[in-house]
N, C-alpha and C. Protein backbone atom coordinates (compact mmCIF):
# COMPACT_ATOMS: atom_id res chain seq x y z
N MET A 1 -47.11 104.66 -149.24
CA MET A 1 -46.19 104.50 -150.35
C MET A 1 -45.85 105.86 -150.98
N ASN A 2 -46.75 106.81 -150.90
CA ASN A 2 -46.54 108.13 -151.48
C ASN A 2 -45.32 108.83 -150.87
N ILE A 3 -45.15 108.73 -149.57
CA ILE A 3 -44.02 109.38 -148.90
C ILE A 3 -42.70 108.77 -149.34
N LEU A 4 -42.68 107.45 -149.55
CA LEU A 4 -41.46 106.79 -150.02
C LEU A 4 -41.09 107.25 -151.43
N ASN A 5 -42.07 107.44 -152.27
CA ASN A 5 -41.80 107.95 -153.62
C ASN A 5 -41.22 109.36 -153.55
N ARG A 6 -41.76 110.17 -152.66
CA ARG A 6 -41.27 111.55 -152.50
C ARG A 6 -39.83 111.57 -152.01
N ILE A 7 -39.54 110.73 -151.02
CA ILE A 7 -38.17 110.65 -150.50
C ILE A 7 -37.22 110.17 -151.59
N ALA A 8 -37.61 109.14 -152.32
CA ALA A 8 -36.76 108.62 -153.40
C ALA A 8 -36.52 109.69 -154.45
N SER A 9 -37.54 110.46 -154.78
CA SER A 9 -37.42 111.53 -155.76
C SER A 9 -36.47 112.62 -155.26
N ASP A 10 -36.61 113.02 -154.00
CA ASP A 10 -35.75 114.05 -153.42
C ASP A 10 -34.28 113.60 -153.39
N VAL A 11 -34.05 112.34 -153.01
CA VAL A 11 -32.69 111.81 -152.97
C VAL A 11 -32.11 111.79 -154.38
N HIS A 12 -32.91 111.35 -155.33
CA HIS A 12 -32.45 111.31 -156.72
C HIS A 12 -32.07 112.71 -157.21
N LEU A 13 -32.90 113.69 -156.93
CA LEU A 13 -32.62 115.07 -157.34
C LEU A 13 -31.36 115.60 -156.66
N MET A 14 -31.21 115.26 -155.39
CA MET A 14 -30.07 115.75 -154.63
C MET A 14 -28.76 115.25 -155.25
N PHE A 15 -28.73 114.01 -155.67
CA PHE A 15 -27.51 113.46 -156.22
C PHE A 15 -27.31 113.82 -157.69
N ARG A 16 -28.37 114.17 -158.38
CA ARG A 16 -28.28 114.52 -159.78
C ARG A 16 -27.81 115.95 -160.00
N ARG A 17 -28.16 116.82 -159.11
CA ARG A 17 -27.81 118.24 -159.25
C ARG A 17 -26.32 118.45 -159.01
N PRO A 18 -25.74 119.41 -159.73
CA PRO A 18 -24.34 119.72 -159.46
C PRO A 18 -24.21 120.42 -158.11
N VAL A 19 -23.00 120.37 -157.58
CA VAL A 19 -22.73 121.06 -156.32
C VAL A 19 -22.95 122.56 -156.54
N ARG A 20 -23.62 123.18 -155.62
CA ARG A 20 -23.82 124.63 -155.70
C ARG A 20 -22.65 125.32 -155.02
N GLU A 21 -22.30 126.50 -155.54
CA GLU A 21 -21.13 127.18 -155.00
C GLU A 21 -21.53 128.49 -154.32
N GLN A 22 -20.92 128.70 -153.16
CA GLN A 22 -21.06 129.95 -152.43
C GLN A 22 -19.66 130.51 -152.18
N TYR A 23 -19.62 131.78 -151.76
CA TYR A 23 -18.37 132.44 -151.46
C TYR A 23 -18.42 132.93 -150.02
N GLY A 24 -17.37 132.63 -149.26
CA GLY A 24 -17.32 133.02 -147.85
C GLY A 24 -16.14 133.91 -147.57
N ALA A 25 -16.27 134.71 -146.52
CA ALA A 25 -15.19 135.59 -146.08
C ALA A 25 -14.69 135.11 -144.73
N LEU A 26 -13.39 134.83 -144.67
CA LEU A 26 -12.75 134.50 -143.40
C LEU A 26 -12.21 135.83 -142.86
N CYS A 27 -13.02 136.48 -142.05
CA CYS A 27 -12.70 137.81 -141.52
C CYS A 27 -11.75 137.62 -140.33
N TYR A 28 -10.60 138.31 -140.39
CA TYR A 28 -9.61 138.12 -139.32
C TYR A 28 -8.92 139.43 -138.97
N ARG A 29 -8.26 139.37 -137.81
CA ARG A 29 -7.43 140.47 -137.33
C ARG A 29 -6.36 139.85 -136.44
N MET A 30 -5.32 140.62 -136.20
CA MET A 30 -4.25 140.17 -135.31
C MET A 30 -4.41 140.89 -133.98
N LYS A 31 -4.23 140.16 -132.88
CA LYS A 31 -4.22 140.81 -131.58
C LYS A 31 -2.98 141.70 -131.50
N LYS A 32 -3.13 142.83 -130.86
CA LYS A 32 -2.05 143.82 -130.83
C LYS A 32 -0.84 143.38 -129.99
N LYS A 33 -1.07 142.73 -128.86
CA LYS A 33 0.03 142.45 -127.93
C LYS A 33 0.66 141.06 -128.10
N SER A 34 0.03 140.19 -128.86
CA SER A 34 0.60 138.86 -129.05
C SER A 34 0.29 138.39 -130.47
N PRO A 35 1.12 137.50 -130.98
CA PRO A 35 0.86 137.02 -132.35
C PRO A 35 -0.29 136.00 -132.37
N THR A 36 -1.49 136.50 -132.14
CA THR A 36 -2.67 135.65 -132.13
C THR A 36 -3.62 136.11 -133.24
N VAL A 37 -4.06 135.15 -134.04
CA VAL A 37 -5.03 135.43 -135.09
C VAL A 37 -6.43 135.27 -134.50
N GLU A 38 -7.26 136.29 -134.66
CA GLU A 38 -8.66 136.18 -134.26
C GLU A 38 -9.51 136.21 -135.51
N VAL A 39 -10.55 135.37 -135.52
CA VAL A 39 -11.49 135.35 -136.64
C VAL A 39 -12.88 135.70 -136.14
N LEU A 40 -13.68 136.22 -137.04
CA LEU A 40 -15.03 136.62 -136.70
C LEU A 40 -16.01 135.53 -137.11
N LEU A 41 -16.73 135.01 -136.12
CA LEU A 41 -17.81 134.06 -136.39
C LEU A 41 -19.13 134.77 -136.18
N ILE A 42 -20.12 134.35 -136.96
CA ILE A 42 -21.47 134.86 -136.79
C ILE A 42 -22.40 133.66 -136.67
N THR A 43 -23.61 133.92 -136.19
CA THR A 43 -24.59 132.84 -136.12
C THR A 43 -25.46 132.87 -137.37
N SER A 44 -25.90 131.69 -137.77
CA SER A 44 -26.83 131.62 -138.89
C SER A 44 -28.19 132.13 -138.41
N ARG A 45 -28.98 132.63 -139.33
CA ARG A 45 -30.28 133.16 -138.93
C ARG A 45 -31.28 132.06 -138.60
N ASP A 46 -31.17 130.92 -139.27
CA ASP A 46 -32.17 129.88 -139.06
C ASP A 46 -31.90 129.00 -137.84
N THR A 47 -30.68 128.45 -137.73
CA THR A 47 -30.41 127.50 -136.65
C THR A 47 -29.59 128.07 -135.50
N GLY A 48 -28.95 129.22 -135.72
CA GLY A 48 -28.13 129.81 -134.67
C GLY A 48 -26.76 129.17 -134.53
N ARG A 49 -26.38 128.30 -135.49
CA ARG A 49 -25.05 127.67 -135.40
C ARG A 49 -23.99 128.69 -135.84
N TRP A 50 -22.75 128.45 -135.42
CA TRP A 50 -21.65 129.36 -135.74
C TRP A 50 -21.14 129.09 -137.16
N ILE A 51 -20.99 130.17 -137.93
CA ILE A 51 -20.57 130.09 -139.33
C ILE A 51 -19.68 131.29 -139.65
N ILE A 52 -19.19 131.33 -140.89
CA ILE A 52 -18.54 132.53 -141.40
C ILE A 52 -19.51 133.20 -142.37
N PRO A 53 -19.36 134.49 -142.63
CA PRO A 53 -20.23 135.14 -143.62
C PRO A 53 -20.04 134.49 -144.99
N LYS A 54 -21.15 134.17 -145.64
CA LYS A 54 -21.08 133.54 -146.96
C LYS A 54 -22.38 133.78 -147.71
N GLY A 55 -22.31 133.62 -149.02
CA GLY A 55 -23.51 133.80 -149.82
C GLY A 55 -23.30 133.34 -151.25
N TRP A 56 -24.32 133.54 -152.05
CA TRP A 56 -24.35 133.09 -153.43
C TRP A 56 -23.58 134.06 -154.33
N PRO A 57 -23.20 133.59 -155.53
CA PRO A 57 -22.56 134.50 -156.50
C PRO A 57 -23.46 135.70 -156.78
N MET A 58 -22.85 136.83 -157.13
CA MET A 58 -23.58 138.07 -157.42
C MET A 58 -23.20 138.53 -158.82
N ASP A 59 -24.20 138.88 -159.61
CA ASP A 59 -23.94 139.38 -160.96
C ASP A 59 -23.03 140.59 -160.90
N GLY A 60 -22.01 140.59 -161.75
CA GLY A 60 -21.11 141.73 -161.86
C GLY A 60 -20.04 141.79 -160.80
N LYS A 61 -19.99 140.82 -159.87
CA LYS A 61 -18.98 140.82 -158.82
C LYS A 61 -18.12 139.57 -158.93
N THR A 62 -16.83 139.74 -158.66
CA THR A 62 -15.95 138.58 -158.58
C THR A 62 -16.33 137.77 -157.34
N ALA A 63 -15.79 136.55 -157.26
CA ALA A 63 -16.05 135.72 -156.09
C ALA A 63 -15.59 136.41 -154.81
N ALA A 64 -14.39 137.00 -154.85
CA ALA A 64 -13.86 137.69 -153.67
C ALA A 64 -14.71 138.89 -153.30
N ALA A 65 -15.14 139.66 -154.30
CA ALA A 65 -15.98 140.84 -154.03
C ALA A 65 -17.33 140.43 -153.44
N ALA A 66 -17.88 139.31 -153.91
CA ALA A 66 -19.15 138.82 -153.35
C ALA A 66 -18.96 138.40 -151.89
N ALA A 67 -17.83 137.76 -151.59
CA ALA A 67 -17.55 137.37 -150.20
C ALA A 67 -17.41 138.60 -149.31
N ALA A 68 -16.72 139.63 -149.81
CA ALA A 68 -16.56 140.87 -149.04
C ALA A 68 -17.92 141.53 -148.79
N ARG A 69 -18.77 141.50 -149.79
CA ARG A 69 -20.11 142.08 -149.64
C ARG A 69 -20.91 141.33 -148.57
N GLU A 70 -20.81 140.01 -148.56
CA GLU A 70 -21.50 139.21 -147.53
C GLU A 70 -20.97 139.54 -146.14
N ALA A 71 -19.64 139.75 -146.03
CA ALA A 71 -19.06 140.11 -144.73
C ALA A 71 -19.67 141.40 -144.21
N TRP A 72 -19.87 142.37 -145.09
CA TRP A 72 -20.46 143.63 -144.67
C TRP A 72 -21.95 143.44 -144.34
N GLU A 73 -22.69 142.78 -145.23
CA GLU A 73 -24.14 142.61 -145.01
C GLU A 73 -24.45 141.82 -143.75
N GLU A 74 -23.70 140.73 -143.51
CA GLU A 74 -24.03 139.82 -142.41
C GLU A 74 -23.33 140.16 -141.09
N ALA A 75 -22.15 140.78 -141.17
CA ALA A 75 -21.37 141.02 -139.95
C ALA A 75 -20.96 142.47 -139.75
N GLY A 76 -21.17 143.31 -140.77
CA GLY A 76 -20.83 144.73 -140.63
C GLY A 76 -19.34 145.02 -140.64
N VAL A 77 -18.55 144.17 -141.30
CA VAL A 77 -17.10 144.41 -141.34
C VAL A 77 -16.65 144.70 -142.77
N LYS A 78 -15.60 145.53 -142.84
CA LYS A 78 -14.98 145.87 -144.12
C LYS A 78 -13.48 145.74 -143.97
N GLY A 79 -12.80 145.56 -145.10
CA GLY A 79 -11.35 145.45 -145.08
C GLY A 79 -10.83 145.02 -146.42
N ALA A 80 -9.58 144.63 -146.44
CA ALA A 80 -8.93 144.18 -147.67
C ALA A 80 -9.14 142.67 -147.83
N ILE A 81 -9.71 142.28 -148.96
CA ILE A 81 -9.95 140.86 -149.21
C ILE A 81 -8.98 140.37 -150.28
N SER A 82 -8.50 139.16 -150.10
CA SER A 82 -7.60 138.55 -151.07
C SER A 82 -8.40 138.04 -152.27
N ASP A 83 -7.82 138.14 -153.45
CA ASP A 83 -8.46 137.57 -154.64
C ASP A 83 -8.26 136.06 -154.71
N GLU A 84 -7.35 135.55 -153.89
CA GLU A 84 -7.06 134.11 -153.87
C GLU A 84 -7.73 133.46 -152.66
N PRO A 85 -8.51 132.40 -152.88
CA PRO A 85 -9.11 131.71 -151.73
C PRO A 85 -8.07 130.97 -150.92
N VAL A 86 -8.34 130.81 -149.62
CA VAL A 86 -7.45 130.03 -148.76
C VAL A 86 -7.85 128.57 -148.77
N GLY A 87 -8.97 128.27 -149.38
CA GLY A 87 -9.46 126.90 -149.45
C GLY A 87 -10.96 126.90 -149.64
N SER A 88 -11.53 125.72 -149.46
CA SER A 88 -12.98 125.58 -149.57
C SER A 88 -13.44 124.45 -148.65
N TYR A 89 -14.72 124.41 -148.41
CA TYR A 89 -15.32 123.33 -147.63
C TYR A 89 -16.73 123.08 -148.15
N HIS A 90 -17.27 121.92 -147.80
CA HIS A 90 -18.62 121.55 -148.22
C HIS A 90 -19.54 121.50 -147.00
N TYR A 91 -20.80 121.79 -147.25
CA TYR A 91 -21.82 121.60 -146.22
C TYR A 91 -23.16 121.36 -146.91
N LEU A 92 -24.13 120.86 -146.16
CA LEU A 92 -25.47 120.65 -146.70
C LEU A 92 -26.32 121.85 -146.37
N LYS A 93 -26.77 122.53 -147.41
CA LYS A 93 -27.60 123.75 -147.27
C LYS A 93 -29.05 123.32 -147.23
N GLY A 94 -29.75 123.70 -146.16
CA GLY A 94 -31.18 123.42 -146.06
C GLY A 94 -31.98 124.40 -146.91
N LEU A 95 -32.87 123.87 -147.71
CA LEU A 95 -33.72 124.70 -148.56
C LEU A 95 -35.16 124.66 -148.05
N ALA A 96 -35.98 125.56 -148.57
CA ALA A 96 -37.40 125.56 -148.22
C ALA A 96 -37.98 124.20 -148.59
N GLY A 97 -38.83 123.67 -147.74
CA GLY A 97 -39.43 122.36 -148.00
C GLY A 97 -38.65 121.22 -147.39
N GLY A 98 -37.52 121.54 -146.74
CA GLY A 98 -36.77 120.52 -146.04
C GLY A 98 -35.68 119.83 -146.84
N MET A 99 -35.61 120.11 -148.14
CA MET A 99 -34.57 119.47 -148.94
C MET A 99 -33.21 120.09 -148.64
N LYS A 100 -32.15 119.29 -148.76
CA LYS A 100 -30.79 119.78 -148.54
C LYS A 100 -29.97 119.53 -149.79
N VAL A 101 -29.11 120.51 -150.11
CA VAL A 101 -28.23 120.37 -151.27
C VAL A 101 -26.79 120.59 -150.83
N ASP A 102 -25.89 119.91 -151.54
CA ASP A 102 -24.47 120.04 -151.26
C ASP A 102 -23.98 121.39 -151.78
N CYS A 103 -23.32 122.14 -150.92
CA CYS A 103 -22.74 123.42 -151.31
C CYS A 103 -21.24 123.40 -151.04
N ARG A 104 -20.50 123.94 -151.99
CA ARG A 104 -19.07 124.16 -151.78
C ARG A 104 -18.90 125.65 -151.53
N VAL A 105 -18.19 125.99 -150.46
CA VAL A 105 -17.92 127.39 -150.12
C VAL A 105 -16.45 127.65 -150.36
N ARG A 106 -16.15 128.53 -151.33
CA ARG A 106 -14.78 128.99 -151.52
C ARG A 106 -14.56 130.14 -150.55
N VAL A 107 -13.48 130.08 -149.77
CA VAL A 107 -13.25 131.01 -148.66
C VAL A 107 -12.09 131.95 -148.98
N PHE A 108 -12.37 133.25 -148.84
CA PHE A 108 -11.39 134.30 -149.11
C PHE A 108 -11.05 135.03 -147.81
N PRO A 109 -9.76 135.17 -147.50
CA PRO A 109 -9.39 135.90 -146.27
C PRO A 109 -9.62 137.40 -146.42
N LEU A 110 -10.20 137.99 -145.40
CA LEU A 110 -10.47 139.43 -145.37
C LEU A 110 -9.89 139.99 -144.07
N VAL A 111 -8.85 140.82 -144.19
CA VAL A 111 -8.27 141.43 -143.00
C VAL A 111 -9.15 142.64 -142.66
N VAL A 112 -9.75 142.61 -141.49
CA VAL A 112 -10.75 143.61 -141.09
C VAL A 112 -10.06 144.88 -140.61
N ASP A 113 -10.50 146.01 -141.17
CA ASP A 113 -9.99 147.30 -140.69
C ASP A 113 -11.11 148.25 -140.29
N ASP A 114 -12.36 147.81 -140.45
CA ASP A 114 -13.49 148.67 -140.08
C ASP A 114 -14.66 147.81 -139.64
N VAL A 115 -15.21 148.13 -138.47
CA VAL A 115 -16.42 147.46 -137.97
C VAL A 115 -17.52 148.51 -137.95
N CYS A 116 -18.54 148.30 -138.76
CA CYS A 116 -19.62 149.28 -138.93
C CYS A 116 -20.70 149.11 -137.86
N LYS A 117 -21.29 150.22 -137.47
CA LYS A 117 -22.37 150.17 -136.48
C LYS A 117 -23.69 149.77 -137.12
N ASN A 118 -23.88 150.17 -138.36
CA ASN A 118 -25.13 149.84 -139.06
C ASN A 118 -24.81 149.06 -140.33
N PHE A 119 -25.55 147.96 -140.52
CA PHE A 119 -25.39 147.12 -141.69
C PHE A 119 -26.69 146.35 -141.88
N PRO A 120 -26.94 145.78 -143.07
CA PRO A 120 -28.25 145.20 -143.39
C PRO A 120 -28.79 144.17 -142.41
N GLU A 121 -27.96 143.26 -141.90
CA GLU A 121 -28.47 142.18 -141.04
C GLU A 121 -28.18 142.40 -139.56
N LYS A 122 -27.95 143.66 -139.19
CA LYS A 122 -27.72 143.98 -137.77
C LYS A 122 -28.94 143.52 -136.96
N GLY A 123 -28.69 142.91 -135.83
CA GLY A 123 -29.77 142.45 -134.96
C GLY A 123 -30.33 141.08 -135.33
N GLU A 124 -29.91 140.53 -136.47
CA GLU A 124 -30.41 139.22 -136.90
C GLU A 124 -29.45 138.08 -136.55
N ARG A 125 -28.22 138.44 -136.17
CA ARG A 125 -27.19 137.45 -135.88
C ARG A 125 -26.35 137.92 -134.70
N ARG A 126 -25.65 136.98 -134.08
CA ARG A 126 -24.63 137.33 -133.10
C ARG A 126 -23.28 137.22 -133.78
N ALA A 127 -22.33 138.01 -133.32
CA ALA A 127 -20.98 137.96 -133.86
C ALA A 127 -19.99 137.96 -132.71
N GLU A 128 -18.93 137.16 -132.85
CA GLU A 128 -17.89 137.11 -131.82
C GLU A 128 -16.53 136.91 -132.46
N TRP A 129 -15.52 137.64 -131.94
CA TRP A 129 -14.13 137.44 -132.31
C TRP A 129 -13.57 136.36 -131.41
N VAL A 130 -12.99 135.32 -132.01
CA VAL A 130 -12.40 134.22 -131.25
C VAL A 130 -11.10 133.79 -131.93
N ASP A 131 -10.23 133.11 -131.16
CA ASP A 131 -9.03 132.58 -131.80
C ASP A 131 -9.42 131.40 -132.70
N CYS A 132 -8.50 131.00 -133.54
CA CYS A 132 -8.82 129.97 -134.54
C CYS A 132 -9.18 128.62 -133.92
N ALA A 133 -8.54 128.27 -132.82
CA ALA A 133 -8.86 126.99 -132.15
C ALA A 133 -10.29 127.01 -131.63
N GLU A 134 -10.69 128.12 -131.01
CA GLU A 134 -12.07 128.25 -130.52
C GLU A 134 -13.05 128.24 -131.68
N ALA A 135 -12.70 128.93 -132.76
CA ALA A 135 -13.57 128.95 -133.94
C ALA A 135 -13.76 127.53 -134.49
N ALA A 136 -12.67 126.77 -134.56
CA ALA A 136 -12.74 125.39 -135.05
C ALA A 136 -13.63 124.54 -134.14
N ASN A 137 -13.61 124.80 -132.84
CA ASN A 137 -14.48 124.07 -131.90
C ASN A 137 -15.95 124.42 -132.10
N ARG A 138 -16.22 125.67 -132.49
CA ARG A 138 -17.61 126.12 -132.58
C ARG A 138 -18.31 125.73 -133.89
N VAL A 139 -17.58 125.73 -134.99
CA VAL A 139 -18.24 125.44 -136.27
C VAL A 139 -18.49 123.94 -136.39
N GLN A 140 -19.52 123.58 -137.16
CA GLN A 140 -19.90 122.17 -137.30
C GLN A 140 -19.24 121.48 -138.49
N GLU A 141 -18.95 122.22 -139.54
CA GLU A 141 -18.47 121.62 -140.78
C GLU A 141 -17.02 121.19 -140.64
N PRO A 142 -16.71 119.90 -140.80
CA PRO A 142 -15.33 119.42 -140.65
C PRO A 142 -14.34 120.15 -141.56
N GLY A 143 -14.72 120.42 -142.79
CA GLY A 143 -13.83 121.11 -143.71
C GLY A 143 -13.50 122.52 -143.28
N LEU A 144 -14.47 123.21 -142.66
CA LEU A 144 -14.24 124.56 -142.16
C LEU A 144 -13.34 124.52 -140.94
N LYS A 145 -13.51 123.51 -140.08
CA LYS A 145 -12.62 123.35 -138.92
C LYS A 145 -11.17 123.25 -139.39
N THR A 146 -10.92 122.38 -140.36
CA THR A 146 -9.58 122.17 -140.89
C THR A 146 -9.04 123.45 -141.52
N LEU A 147 -9.88 124.14 -142.26
CA LEU A 147 -9.47 125.38 -142.93
C LEU A 147 -9.07 126.45 -141.92
N LEU A 148 -9.82 126.59 -140.84
CA LEU A 148 -9.51 127.59 -139.82
C LEU A 148 -8.14 127.34 -139.17
N LEU A 149 -7.86 126.09 -138.85
CA LEU A 149 -6.59 125.76 -138.20
C LEU A 149 -5.42 125.91 -139.17
N ALA A 150 -5.61 125.55 -140.43
CA ALA A 150 -4.56 125.71 -141.43
C ALA A 150 -4.30 127.19 -141.70
N PHE A 151 -5.35 128.00 -141.69
CA PHE A 151 -5.20 129.43 -141.90
C PHE A 151 -4.36 130.05 -140.79
N GLU A 152 -4.62 129.66 -139.55
CA GLU A 152 -3.84 130.19 -138.43
C GLU A 152 -2.36 129.84 -138.59
N ARG A 153 -2.06 128.60 -138.94
CA ARG A 153 -0.67 128.19 -139.13
C ARG A 153 -0.01 129.01 -140.24
N LYS A 154 -0.73 129.24 -141.33
CA LYS A 154 -0.20 130.00 -142.47
C LYS A 154 0.12 131.44 -142.05
N ILE A 155 -0.81 132.11 -141.40
CA ILE A 155 -0.60 133.51 -141.00
C ILE A 155 0.56 133.62 -140.00
N LEU A 156 0.59 132.73 -139.02
CA LEU A 156 1.66 132.79 -138.02
C LEU A 156 3.03 132.50 -138.64
N SER A 157 3.08 131.60 -139.62
CA SER A 157 4.37 131.33 -140.26
C SER A 157 4.81 132.52 -141.11
N GLU A 158 3.87 133.23 -141.71
CA GLU A 158 4.21 134.43 -142.48
C GLU A 158 4.75 135.52 -141.56
N ILE A 159 4.15 135.66 -140.39
CA ILE A 159 4.61 136.67 -139.42
C ILE A 159 6.01 136.31 -138.93
N ALA A 160 6.25 135.03 -138.67
CA ALA A 160 7.56 134.59 -138.18
C ALA A 160 8.65 134.82 -139.21
N ALA A 161 8.29 134.84 -140.48
CA ALA A 161 9.28 135.02 -141.55
C ALA A 161 9.67 136.49 -141.77
N ILE A 162 8.93 137.42 -141.18
CA ILE A 162 9.25 138.84 -141.33
C ILE A 162 10.42 139.19 -140.41
N PRO A 163 11.47 139.78 -140.96
CA PRO A 163 12.63 140.14 -140.11
C PRO A 163 12.21 141.14 -139.02
N LYS A 164 12.76 140.97 -137.83
CA LYS A 164 12.40 141.83 -136.70
C LYS A 164 12.86 143.27 -136.88
N ASN A 165 13.97 143.48 -137.61
CA ASN A 165 14.51 144.84 -137.80
C ASN A 165 14.03 145.46 -139.10
N GLY A 166 12.97 144.93 -139.67
CA GLY A 166 12.48 145.47 -140.93
C GLY A 166 13.13 144.77 -142.10
N PRO A 167 12.77 145.15 -143.31
CA PRO A 167 13.32 144.49 -144.48
C PRO A 167 14.81 144.81 -144.65
N PRO A 168 15.57 143.86 -145.19
CA PRO A 168 17.01 144.12 -145.39
C PRO A 168 17.22 145.18 -146.46
N ASP A 169 18.34 145.86 -146.37
CA ASP A 169 18.67 146.89 -147.38
C ASP A 169 18.96 146.22 -148.71
N ALA A 170 18.54 146.89 -149.79
CA ALA A 170 18.76 146.31 -151.11
C ALA A 170 20.10 146.72 -151.66
């Protein structure tokens, strides 16, 4: 009976707590020879599943700045990050002791212009550049799958809207 009380208590706590928020970086680049968006996926340290760099809020940093910091710490990439998120998704974060809590990840696009050789979590994760469809196949979270595919459509439509001969004369 003791185990049932523990489970009931954990479930009650899980539903009583507010959703926890994290900030993620959708690190991307454009292929040079074709209009293809590539995104950077990394593996989680605990399960090895494919994810994007993400982490908890940081004192003194905006949400976007915290996401950019996570991109550097976890994947060794730097670049220009948008202050506006492209969306968010939810997942269950495993905590010590086996409990899981609902987390919402607000995702900020970061166009990568520098890949560093040394960074804090080097050697702890794998990283791969893949197109958005492949990224959507690899990640487990349904909301992140949807976000990746919508992001690709958005970027490609923005590129298609740019005049081929440059901006018109004013």
